[in-house]
Amino acid sequence: MPHRVVVTGAGIVTALGAGWRVNADGFRSGRTAIRPLELFDVSRQRTKIAAAARLPEHLPATKLSNKNLNRLDRAARLLLLAAHEAWTQSGWTPMDNLPVVLGTTSGEMTLGQNFFRQAIETPHRFKQQASRLAHYQVQRQALNLCDAFGFHGPVINIANACASGANAIGHAWELVRNGRAEKVLTGGYDALCHLTFAGFDSLQALSPVACRPFDAARNGLSLGEGAAVLTLETLTTAKNRGAEILGEIIGYGATTDIHHLTQPHPEGAAALAAMHAAGATAGVWPEQIDYVNAHGTATIQNDATETAALNRWAGAHAGNLPVSSTKAVTGHTLGAAGAIEAIVCLMALRGQWLPPEIGLNAVDPACRFEIVREPVDKKIERALSNSFGFGGANAALIFRRWA
């Protein structure tokens, strides 16, 4: 019989701040963290806003030496901050054979960007280039966590576009559920960098104003950055050691949209299949879901596809289904999005409230479901989180409140 899988630690860093409390307050009130971008020069870009995190001057104490701490770039620092909160909250101690499953799309892209700039501008200058190359490799960030907390185990990196964070959690859930691991450290992370920002801007995928998912006049996404880390373990292990349980993961579905290389199926067929698959593993029907954290990027095509999928999935229950996209708060954090939104679901289930989507002018009339537009307290037992990635990656996670 499959093991029940619970969350005993959750760490989060977004543009709202670092830590569960400040983020829960921000998501509960719908306070947007999208603001003018000062992290790098955007004077040549169409869009000049993003949800950039404000990192603390000093990182928390771990087993990493000062030399190694100083080598950490922005993405690695975001990840370490989130992991430290999750690790501390879980009460885990160093152990052997603890798997790490992380999702990211950019990894340490800033190091790659800086490597490229120096290679072009001063091709005969090699200072720091070897270090940039070594730490640019995506497994390095996971190995940093192993070194920081003194454990060892297999490392799995998932780069599946915007579904990466959700896929990482789903894969970790399957490892624990199927008895292949007793505990797994998992999550997602991505940092803003000029190269990525300019790329999205050149595609005209970014909105010059704060994004408005599911708005009839939406015109693009807002980028953000952040990290979210969860400690997953069997219910038996958690109970035996008297751990505080933050919530339970009960369902996961993953599908691939083969309709087109870049464009999703207009009726959201693969997204619909992912939600159905998550419900099947959880043993629940759409009418038993009390809240949906939508992928909701605020691009014209993505929201239309997800709307069609949600309408079909919920059916006659659609009018009673509360939905919101918290990307209106944190921007689209790419590989971190699915993991951040997983923690948002845990926050809502523990606090018994729905995260609102502030800033909507007029809801797209195609939405048959209810968009949460104001802060509201509500009794909820189960939440669904959707993550749909560019290129056809789709993932859905279902969480249950732990009483």
Protein backbone atom coordinates (compact mmCIF):
# COMPACT_ATOMS: atom_id res chain seq x y z
CA MET A 1 0.00 0.00 0.00
CA PRO A 2 1.37 3.47 -0.88
CA HIS A 3 2.69 5.59 1.98
CA ARG A 4 0.93 8.80 2.97
CA VAL A 5 3.24 11.76 2.37
CA VAL A 6 3.27 14.83 4.60
CA VAL A 7 5.11 18.15 4.66
CA THR A 8 7.04 18.86 7.87
CA GLY A 9 9.06 21.88 6.75
CA ALA A 10 8.47 24.72 4.28
CA GLY A 11 10.82 27.57 3.43
CA ILE A 12 9.99 30.40 1.07
CA VAL A 13 11.63 33.53 -0.33
CA THR A 14 9.83 35.87 -2.75
CA ALA A 15 9.71 39.58 -3.46
CA LEU A 16 7.34 39.79 -0.47
CA GLY A 17 10.25 38.82 1.79
CA ALA A 18 11.97 35.82 3.33
CA GLY A 19 10.02 33.41 5.50
CA TRP A 20 6.59 31.87 5.98
CA ARG A 21 5.06 34.68 8.05
CA VAL A 22 5.78 37.67 5.81
CA ASN A 23 4.76 35.73 2.72
CA ALA A 24 1.55 34.40 4.31
CA ASP A 25 0.60 37.96 5.28
CA GLY A 26 1.30 39.19 1.74
CA PHE A 27 -0.59 36.41 -0.03
CA ARG A 28 -3.53 36.62 2.38
CA SER A 29 -3.96 40.35 1.73
CA GLY A 30 -3.11 40.16 -1.98
CA ARG A 31 -0.29 42.69 -1.64
CA THR A 32 1.61 42.88 -4.92
CA ALA A 33 5.42 42.87 -4.88
CA ILE A 34 5.80 43.89 -8.52
CA ARG A 35 7.70 47.18 -8.61
CA PRO A 36 10.30 49.16 -10.63
CA LEU A 37 13.31 46.94 -11.29
CA GLU A 38 16.62 48.19 -9.90
CA LEU A 39 18.58 44.92 -9.95
CA PHE A 40 20.12 45.70 -13.36
CA ASP A 41 19.81 48.33 -16.09
CA VAL A 42 16.48 48.02 -17.93
CA SER A 43 16.64 51.38 -19.69
CA ARG A 44 16.73 49.63 -23.09
CA GLN A 45 13.84 47.28 -22.29
CA ARG A 46 10.13 47.87 -23.00
CA THR A 47 9.22 46.65 -19.54
CA LYS A 48 10.84 48.13 -16.46
CA ILE A 49 9.11 46.30 -13.60
CA ALA A 50 9.49 42.91 -11.94
CA ALA A 51 9.08 41.23 -8.55
CA ALA A 52 12.67 41.28 -7.29
CA ALA A 53 13.53 39.89 -3.86
CA ARG A 54 15.44 41.94 -1.30
CA LEU A 55 18.09 39.56 -0.02
CA PRO A 56 19.47 39.95 3.51
CA GLU A 57 23.07 41.08 3.87
CA HIS A 58 24.04 37.90 5.70
CA LEU A 59 22.96 34.31 5.08
CA PRO A 60 22.01 32.03 7.99
CA ALA A 61 24.77 29.96 9.56
CA THR A 62 25.27 26.52 8.00
CA LYS A 63 28.16 24.12 7.52
CA LEU A 64 29.33 26.08 4.46
CA SER A 65 32.63 27.89 4.88
CA ASN A 66 32.82 31.65 4.40
CA LYS A 67 34.75 31.04 1.19
CA ASN A 68 31.95 28.90 -0.24
CA LEU A 69 29.27 31.29 1.00
CA ASN A 70 30.96 34.15 -0.84
CA ARG A 71 30.89 32.10 -4.05
CA LEU A 72 27.11 31.75 -3.97
CA ASP A 73 25.35 33.79 -6.59
CA ARG A 74 21.82 35.16 -6.37
CA ALA A 75 19.92 31.99 -7.24
CA ALA A 76 21.97 29.87 -4.84
CA ARG A 77 21.39 32.40 -2.04
CA LEU A 78 17.63 32.36 -2.59
CA LEU A 79 17.69 28.58 -2.49
CA LEU A 80 19.84 28.40 0.66
CA LEU A 81 17.56 30.84 2.49
CA ALA A 82 14.44 28.80 1.69
CA ALA A 83 16.17 25.49 2.46
CA HIS A 84 17.42 26.74 5.83
CA GLU A 85 13.89 27.66 6.91
CA ALA A 86 12.50 24.30 5.77
CA TRP A 87 15.34 22.29 7.33
CA THR A 88 15.10 24.12 10.65
CA GLN A 89 11.33 23.79 10.80
CA SER A 90 11.40 20.07 9.97
CA GLY A 91 13.79 19.19 12.80
CA TRP A 92 15.77 16.94 10.46
CA THR A 93 19.37 16.08 11.32
CA PRO A 94 22.21 15.17 8.93
CA MET A 95 21.73 11.73 7.39
CA ASP A 96 22.96 9.53 4.58
CA ASN A 97 20.96 8.76 1.46
CA LEU A 98 18.63 11.78 1.63
CA PRO A 99 17.50 12.56 -1.94
CA VAL A 100 17.32 16.12 -3.22
CA VAL A 101 14.87 16.90 -6.04
CA LEU A 102 14.94 20.49 -7.33
CA GLY A 103 13.26 22.29 -10.20
CA THR A 104 14.72 25.28 -12.02
CA THR A 105 14.72 26.82 -15.47
CA SER A 106 17.65 29.20 -15.23
CA GLY A 107 19.79 27.82 -12.41
CA GLU A 108 22.79 30.13 -12.08
CA MET A 109 22.10 31.96 -15.34
CA THR A 110 23.72 35.12 -13.96
CA LEU A 111 27.07 33.29 -13.85
CA GLY A 112 26.62 32.20 -17.46
CA GLN A 113 25.68 35.74 -18.41
CA ASN A 114 28.77 37.16 -16.69
CA PHE A 115 30.99 34.49 -18.25
CA PHE A 116 29.70 35.44 -21.68
CA ARG A 117 30.10 39.17 -21.10
CA GLN A 118 33.71 38.83 -19.99
CA ALA A 119 34.51 36.44 -22.85
CA ILE A 120 33.19 38.99 -25.36
CA GLU A 121 34.50 42.19 -23.80
CA THR A 122 37.93 40.97 -22.61
CA PRO A 123 38.55 37.62 -24.35
CA HIS A 124 42.10 37.27 -22.99
CA ARG A 125 41.10 37.85 -19.35
CA PHE A 126 40.28 34.61 -17.55
CA LYS A 127 39.96 35.72 -13.91
CA GLN A 128 36.93 34.07 -12.22
CA GLN A 129 35.90 32.33 -15.44
CA ALA A 130 36.71 28.82 -14.19
CA SER A 131 34.75 29.40 -10.99
CA ARG A 132 31.78 30.74 -12.94
CA LEU A 133 31.83 27.70 -15.18
CA ALA A 134 31.97 25.26 -12.27
CA HIS A 135 29.17 26.89 -10.29
CA TYR A 136 27.00 27.53 -13.36
CA GLN A 137 26.28 23.79 -13.58
CA VAL A 138 22.87 23.23 -12.09
CA GLN A 139 23.81 20.31 -9.83
CA ARG A 140 26.12 22.65 -7.90
CA GLN A 141 23.22 24.39 -6.16
CA ALA A 142 21.85 21.06 -4.91
CA LEU A 143 25.31 19.99 -3.75
CA ASN A 144 25.58 23.29 -1.86
CA LEU A 145 22.53 22.23 0.18
CA CYS A 146 24.09 18.84 0.91
CA ASP A 147 27.25 20.57 2.15
CA ALA A 148 25.32 23.24 4.05
CA PHE A 149 23.31 20.77 6.13
CA GLY A 150 25.72 17.86 6.21
CA PHE A 151 23.80 15.13 4.42
CA HIS A 152 24.40 12.98 1.37
CA GLY A 153 22.15 11.37 -1.21
CA PRO A 154 21.14 11.29 -4.87
CA VAL A 155 20.53 14.63 -6.60
CA ILE A 156 17.81 15.03 -9.22
CA ASN A 157 17.38 18.27 -11.18
CA ILE A 158 14.22 18.87 -13.19
CA ALA A 159 14.22 21.59 -15.84
CA ASN A 160 10.73 21.39 -17.31
CA ALA A 161 10.04 25.05 -18.04
CA CYS A 162 7.44 26.68 -15.77
CA ALA A 163 6.26 23.31 -14.41
CA SER A 164 9.73 22.52 -12.99
CA GLY A 165 8.99 23.29 -9.33
CA ALA A 166 5.71 21.36 -9.35
CA ASN A 167 7.30 18.43 -11.20
CA ALA A 168 10.11 18.34 -8.62
CA ILE A 169 7.64 18.15 -5.74
CA GLY A 170 5.58 15.57 -7.59
CA HIS A 171 8.61 13.40 -8.27
CA ALA A 172 9.72 13.68 -4.63
CA TRP A 173 6.18 12.74 -3.55
CA GLU A 174 6.32 9.65 -5.72
CA LEU A 175 9.69 8.61 -4.23
CA VAL A 176 8.27 8.74 -0.70
CA ARG A 177 4.84 7.39 -1.59
CA ASN A 178 6.28 4.34 -3.35
CA GLY A 179 8.76 3.54 -0.59
CA ARG A 180 11.90 4.47 -2.52
CA ALA A 181 12.83 7.08 0.10
CA GLU A 182 11.69 7.82 3.63
CA LYS A 183 12.43 11.54 3.34
CA VAL A 184 13.13 13.90 0.43
CA LEU A 185 14.21 17.55 0.29
CA THR A 186 12.48 19.20 -2.67
CA GLY A 187 11.45 22.51 -4.20
CA GLY A 188 12.21 25.03 -6.91
CA TYR A 189 14.21 28.21 -7.41
CA ASP A 190 15.07 30.86 -9.99
CA ALA A 191 16.63 34.31 -9.85
CA LEU A 192 16.15 37.32 -12.08
CA CYS A 193 19.00 38.07 -14.45
CA HIS A 194 19.36 40.54 -17.29
CA LEU A 195 19.76 37.86 -19.97
CA THR A 196 16.48 36.12 -19.09
CA PHE A 197 14.60 39.39 -18.59
CA ALA A 198 15.75 40.79 -21.93
CA GLY A 199 14.79 37.54 -23.65
CA PHE A 200 11.22 37.63 -22.38
CA ASP A 201 11.03 41.34 -23.16
CA SER A 202 12.24 40.84 -26.74
CA LEU A 203 9.47 38.28 -27.24
CA GLN A 204 7.03 40.95 -26.03
CA ALA A 205 5.77 38.46 -23.46
CA LEU A 206 6.14 40.97 -20.58
CA SER A 207 3.50 43.49 -19.59
CA PRO A 208 4.67 47.08 -19.03
CA VAL A 209 2.30 47.18 -16.04
CA ALA A 210 1.71 44.66 -13.25
CA CYS A 211 0.26 41.46 -14.71
CA ARG A 212 -3.49 40.78 -14.48
CA PRO A 213 -4.21 37.05 -14.83
CA PHE A 214 -7.65 36.22 -16.24
CA ASP A 215 -8.38 39.88 -16.99
CA ALA A 216 -10.26 40.46 -20.22
CA ALA A 217 -7.59 43.00 -21.23
CA ARG A 218 -4.50 41.11 -19.98
CA ASN A 219 -1.39 41.82 -22.00
CA GLY A 220 1.49 39.74 -20.66
CA LEU A 221 3.29 38.40 -17.64
CA SER A 222 5.47 39.99 -14.98
CA LEU A 223 8.70 38.23 -14.07
CA GLY A 224 9.70 37.53 -10.49
CA GLU A 225 12.22 35.50 -8.56
CA GLY A 226 12.29 33.31 -5.50
CA ALA A 227 12.74 29.88 -3.98
CA ALA A 228 10.59 27.42 -2.07
CA VAL A 229 11.76 24.23 -0.36
CA LEU A 230 9.69 21.50 1.30
CA THR A 231 10.69 18.56 3.47
CA LEU A 232 8.57 15.53 2.60
CA GLU A 233 8.39 12.32 4.61
CA THR A 234 6.08 9.43 5.32
CA LEU A 235 3.29 10.03 7.78
CA THR A 236 4.63 7.16 9.90
CA THR A 237 8.10 8.72 10.18
CA ALA A 238 6.67 12.14 11.00
CA LYS A 239 4.38 10.76 13.70
CA ASN A 240 7.08 8.56 15.22
CA ARG A 241 9.32 11.54 15.85
CA GLY A 242 6.51 13.88 16.90
CA ALA A 243 7.01 16.31 14.02
CA GLU A 244 4.64 19.17 13.31
CA ILE A 245 2.77 18.43 10.08
CA LEU A 246 2.02 21.38 7.81
CA GLY A 247 -0.15 19.49 5.34
CA GLU A 248 -0.45 16.36 3.23
CA ILE A 249 0.17 15.89 -0.49
CA ILE A 250 -2.47 13.51 -1.79
CA GLY A 251 -2.37 13.82 -5.59
CA TYR A 252 -0.07 14.52 -8.52
CA GLY A 253 -0.59 14.48 -12.25
CA ALA A 254 1.86 15.23 -15.07
CA THR A 255 1.20 15.30 -18.81
CA THR A 256 2.82 16.54 -22.01
CA ASP A 257 0.99 18.64 -24.58
CA ILE A 258 2.01 17.46 -28.06
CA HIS A 259 -0.40 19.77 -29.89
CA HIS A 260 2.37 22.16 -31.01
CA LEU A 261 6.02 22.84 -30.27
CA THR A 262 5.25 26.06 -28.39
CA GLN A 263 1.49 26.66 -28.41
CA PRO A 264 -0.80 24.82 -25.96
CA HIS A 265 -3.87 22.94 -27.12
CA PRO A 266 -6.60 25.62 -27.42
CA GLU A 267 -9.03 23.56 -25.34
CA GLY A 268 -6.39 22.72 -22.71
CA ALA A 269 -6.49 18.97 -23.32
CA ALA A 270 -3.17 18.19 -21.64
CA ALA A 271 -3.82 20.58 -18.75
CA LEU A 272 -7.18 18.91 -18.24
CA ALA A 273 -5.53 15.49 -18.26
CA ALA A 274 -3.02 16.60 -15.60
CA MET A 275 -5.84 17.73 -13.29
CA HIS A 276 -7.74 14.50 -13.86
CA ALA A 277 -4.57 12.48 -13.13
CA ALA A 278 -3.99 14.37 -9.87
CA GLY A 279 -7.58 13.78 -8.84
CA ALA A 280 -7.33 10.09 -9.68
CA THR A 281 -4.25 9.55 -7.48
CA ALA A 282 -5.87 11.57 -4.69
CA GLY A 283 -9.20 9.79 -5.03
CA VAL A 284 -11.15 13.06 -5.17
CA TRP A 285 -13.58 14.70 -7.60
CA PRO A 286 -13.56 18.35 -8.73
CA GLU A 287 -16.44 19.18 -6.37
CA GLN A 288 -14.21 18.10 -3.46
CA ILE A 289 -11.59 20.74 -4.29
CA ASP A 290 -12.13 23.95 -2.31
CA TYR A 291 -9.57 26.19 -4.00
CA VAL A 292 -7.44 26.23 -7.15
CA ASN A 293 -4.16 28.12 -7.36
CA ALA A 294 -4.08 28.66 -11.11
CA HIS A 295 -0.97 28.82 -13.25
CA GLY A 296 -2.42 32.12 -14.52
CA THR A 297 0.48 33.92 -16.20
CA ALA A 298 -1.67 36.73 -17.70
CA THR A 299 -0.60 35.99 -21.25
CA ILE A 300 -3.51 35.88 -23.68
CA GLN A 301 -3.01 32.29 -24.79
CA ASN A 302 -2.02 30.66 -21.49
CA ASP A 303 -4.98 32.03 -19.55
CA ALA A 304 -7.41 31.12 -22.34
CA THR A 305 -6.11 27.55 -22.37
CA GLU A 306 -6.23 27.18 -18.60
CA THR A 307 -9.71 28.72 -18.50
CA ALA A 308 -10.96 26.16 -21.01
CA ALA A 309 -9.35 23.32 -19.05
CA LEU A 310 -10.73 24.49 -15.69
CA ASN A 311 -14.22 24.97 -17.13
CA ARG A 312 -14.20 21.44 -18.52
CA TRP A 313 -12.63 19.91 -15.42
CA ALA A 314 -15.02 21.53 -12.93
CA GLY A 315 -18.10 21.13 -15.11
CA ALA A 316 -21.32 22.01 -13.30
CA HIS A 317 -19.26 22.78 -10.17
CA ALA A 318 -17.32 25.60 -11.91
CA GLY A 319 -19.50 28.40 -10.58
CA ASN A 320 -18.72 27.37 -7.00
CA LEU A 321 -14.96 26.92 -7.51
CA PRO A 322 -12.72 29.67 -6.05
CA VAL A 323 -9.66 30.32 -8.26
CA SER A 324 -6.83 32.83 -8.13
CA SER A 325 -3.37 33.31 -9.59
CA THR A 326 -0.82 34.47 -7.04
CA LYS A 327 1.52 35.52 -9.85
CA ALA A 328 -0.28 38.86 -9.51
CA VAL A 329 1.59 39.08 -6.19
CA THR A 330 5.03 37.59 -6.89
CA GLY A 331 5.26 37.70 -10.67
CA HIS A 332 6.13 34.59 -12.63
CA THR A 333 9.09 33.01 -10.84
CA LEU A 334 9.61 30.41 -13.60
CA GLY A 335 11.18 27.24 -12.14
CA ALA A 336 10.28 28.34 -8.61
CA ALA A 337 6.62 29.05 -9.38
CA GLY A 338 5.19 25.56 -8.79
CA ALA A 339 7.03 25.21 -5.47
CA ILE A 340 6.10 28.69 -4.25
CA GLU A 341 2.46 28.12 -5.14
CA ALA A 342 2.53 24.75 -3.37
CA ILE A 343 3.48 26.56 -0.17
CA VAL A 344 0.75 29.14 -0.82
CA CYS A 345 -1.74 26.27 -0.84
CA LEU A 346 -0.34 24.96 2.45
CA MET A 347 -0.61 28.47 3.94
CA ALA A 348 -4.23 28.80 2.83
CA LEU A 349 -5.15 25.35 4.18
CA ARG A 350 -3.50 25.99 7.55
CA GLY A 351 -4.90 29.51 7.88
CA GLN A 352 -8.33 28.78 6.36
CA TRP A 353 -8.30 31.69 3.93
CA LEU A 354 -8.21 32.22 0.16
CA PRO A 355 -5.39 34.22 -1.47
CA PRO A 356 -7.00 37.02 -3.51
CA GLU A 357 -5.98 38.31 -6.89
CA ILE A 358 -5.86 42.09 -6.55
CA GLY A 359 -5.71 44.34 -9.63
CA LEU A 360 -8.28 42.78 -11.93
CA ASN A 361 -10.31 45.29 -13.91
CA ALA A 362 -12.77 43.02 -15.71
CA VAL A 363 -12.73 39.22 -15.51
CA ASP A 364 -12.50 37.42 -18.84
CA PRO A 365 -16.11 36.37 -19.58
CA ALA A 366 -14.86 32.91 -20.59
CA CYS A 367 -14.16 32.16 -16.89
CA ARG A 368 -17.10 30.18 -15.54
CA PHE A 369 -15.34 29.80 -12.20
CA GLU A 370 -15.15 32.33 -9.36
CA ILE A 371 -12.04 34.54 -9.26
CA VAL A 372 -11.09 35.42 -5.68
CA ARG A 373 -10.74 39.21 -5.78
CA GLU A 374 -10.83 40.21 -2.12
CA PRO A 375 -9.28 38.75 1.05
CA VAL A 376 -11.68 36.19 2.51
CA ASP A 377 -11.64 33.63 5.32
CA LYS A 378 -13.06 30.29 4.24
CA LYS A 379 -13.11 26.72 5.46
CA ILE A 380 -11.13 24.65 2.96
CA GLU A 381 -9.96 21.05 3.11
CA ARG A 382 -8.28 20.47 -0.25
CA ALA A 383 -6.44 22.70 -2.72
CA LEU A 384 -5.24 22.13 -6.27
CA SER A 385 -2.18 23.88 -7.71
CA ASN A 386 -1.64 24.05 -11.48
CA SER A 387 1.69 24.57 -13.26
CA PHE A 388 1.81 24.60 -17.05
CA GLY A 389 5.16 25.05 -18.78
CA PHE A 390 6.23 26.40 -22.15
CA GLY A 391 6.74 23.54 -24.57
CA GLY A 392 3.92 21.37 -23.23
CA ALA A 393 4.88 20.43 -19.64
CA ASN A 394 1.83 20.25 -17.36
CA ALA A 395 1.66 19.41 -13.66
CA ALA A 396 -1.06 19.47 -11.00
CA LEU A 397 -0.68 18.90 -7.25
CA ILE A 398 -3.41 18.35 -4.65
CA PHE A 399 -2.92 19.19 -0.96
CA ARG A 400 -5.06 18.33 2.05
CA ARG A 401 -5.36 20.25 5.29
CA TRP A 402 -3.82 18.58 8.30
CA ALA A 403 -6.17 18.86 11.26
